[in-house]
Every structure is written in C-alpha cells, then in structure tokens.
Amino acid sequence: KYVDIFVLKSSYFHYSIIIFVYCLNIKYYKNLKKSSQSSYHIQKIQKSKSKKNYKINKMGS
C-alpha cells in the first residue's frame, strides 16, 4: 500500500513536471516568435533609415 502511494505520487510529480516544462516551452516559443518578428521589423526600420540618411548625405555633399 505504501509503495503504491509512493509510486502514484512520484508519477504524478513527473507528470506535473512534464506539463510545466511543456507550458514553459510553449511560452518560450511564442516569445521567440514575437521577438524574432519584432527584431526583423526593427532591422527593416533601420535599413530604411540608413537609406534615407544615405540620400540626405548625398544631397548635402
């Protein structure tokens, strides 16, 4: 009886850890997607800015 309870508890513990890790991975993946999109967006903005600055410098010289 005692061993049964122990096994049940340990299996439940493992199960909860698996679920926890799974949820963490999903959160991490979502954040990763978000951050990669935003960094891509920032890169695009920076590129367009540098193009504008290049044009302005050409005009100024």
Protein backbone atom coordinates (compact mmCIF):
# COMPACT_ATOMS: atom_id res chain seq x y z
CA LYS A 1 0.00 0.00 0.00
CA TYR A 2 2.74 2.48 0.99
CA VAL A 3 4.74 1.70 -2.15
CA ASP A 4 1.65 2.18 -4.32
CA ILE A 5 1.08 5.62 -2.87
CA PHE A 6 4.73 6.49 -3.34
CA VAL A 7 4.69 5.39 -6.99
CA LEU A 8 1.48 7.29 -7.59
CA LYS A 9 2.92 10.42 -6.03
CA SER A 10 6.16 10.19 -7.96
CA SER A 11 4.37 9.54 -11.25
CA TYR A 12 2.04 12.48 -10.57
CA PHE A 13 5.09 14.61 -9.77
CA HIS A 14 6.77 13.59 -13.03
CA TYR A 15 3.58 14.27 -14.93
CA SER A 16 3.24 17.75 -13.48
CA ILE A 17 6.88 18.49 -14.28
CA ILE A 18 6.32 17.38 -17.87
CA ILE A 19 3.27 19.62 -18.16
CA PHE A 20 5.16 22.50 -16.57
CA VAL A 21 8.09 22.12 -18.96
CA TYR A 22 5.69 21.79 -21.89
CA CYS A 23 3.94 25.03 -20.95
CA LEU A 24 7.28 26.77 -20.50
CA ASN A 25 8.37 25.63 -23.93
CA ILE A 26 5.17 26.94 -25.50
CA LYS A 27 5.61 30.29 -23.75
CA TYR A 28 9.26 30.43 -24.78
CA TYR A 29 8.41 29.52 -28.37
CA LYS A 30 5.71 32.21 -28.55
CA ASN A 31 8.09 34.82 -27.11
CA LEU A 32 10.77 33.68 -29.52
CA LYS A 33 8.39 34.15 -32.45
CA LYS A 34 7.35 37.56 -31.16
CA SER A 35 10.93 38.70 -30.56
CA SER A 36 12.13 37.42 -33.93
CA GLN A 37 9.28 39.26 -35.66
CA SER A 38 9.98 42.47 -33.76
CA SER A 39 13.73 42.24 -34.38
CA TYR A 40 13.01 41.70 -38.08
CA HIS A 41 10.75 44.76 -38.02
CA ILE A 42 13.44 46.80 -36.27
CA GLN A 43 16.00 45.70 -38.86
CA LYS A 44 13.65 46.80 -41.63
CA ILE A 45 13.19 50.20 -39.99
CA GLN A 46 16.94 50.59 -39.52
CA LYS A 47 17.56 49.70 -43.17
CA SER A 48 15.04 52.26 -44.40
CA LYS A 49 16.54 54.86 -42.04
CA SER A 50 20.06 54.22 -43.32
CA LYS A 51 18.79 54.54 -46.90
CA LYS A 52 17.19 57.87 -46.06
CA ASN A 53 20.37 59.08 -44.34
CA TYR A 54 22.42 57.99 -47.35
CA LYS A 55 20.17 60.03 -49.65
CA ILE A 56 20.38 63.06 -47.36
CA ASN A 57 24.18 62.80 -47.19
CA LYS A 58 24.38 62.57 -50.98
CA MET A 59 22.23 65.65 -51.35
CA GLY A 60 24.24 67.52 -48.73
CA SER A 61 27.62 66.82 -50.32
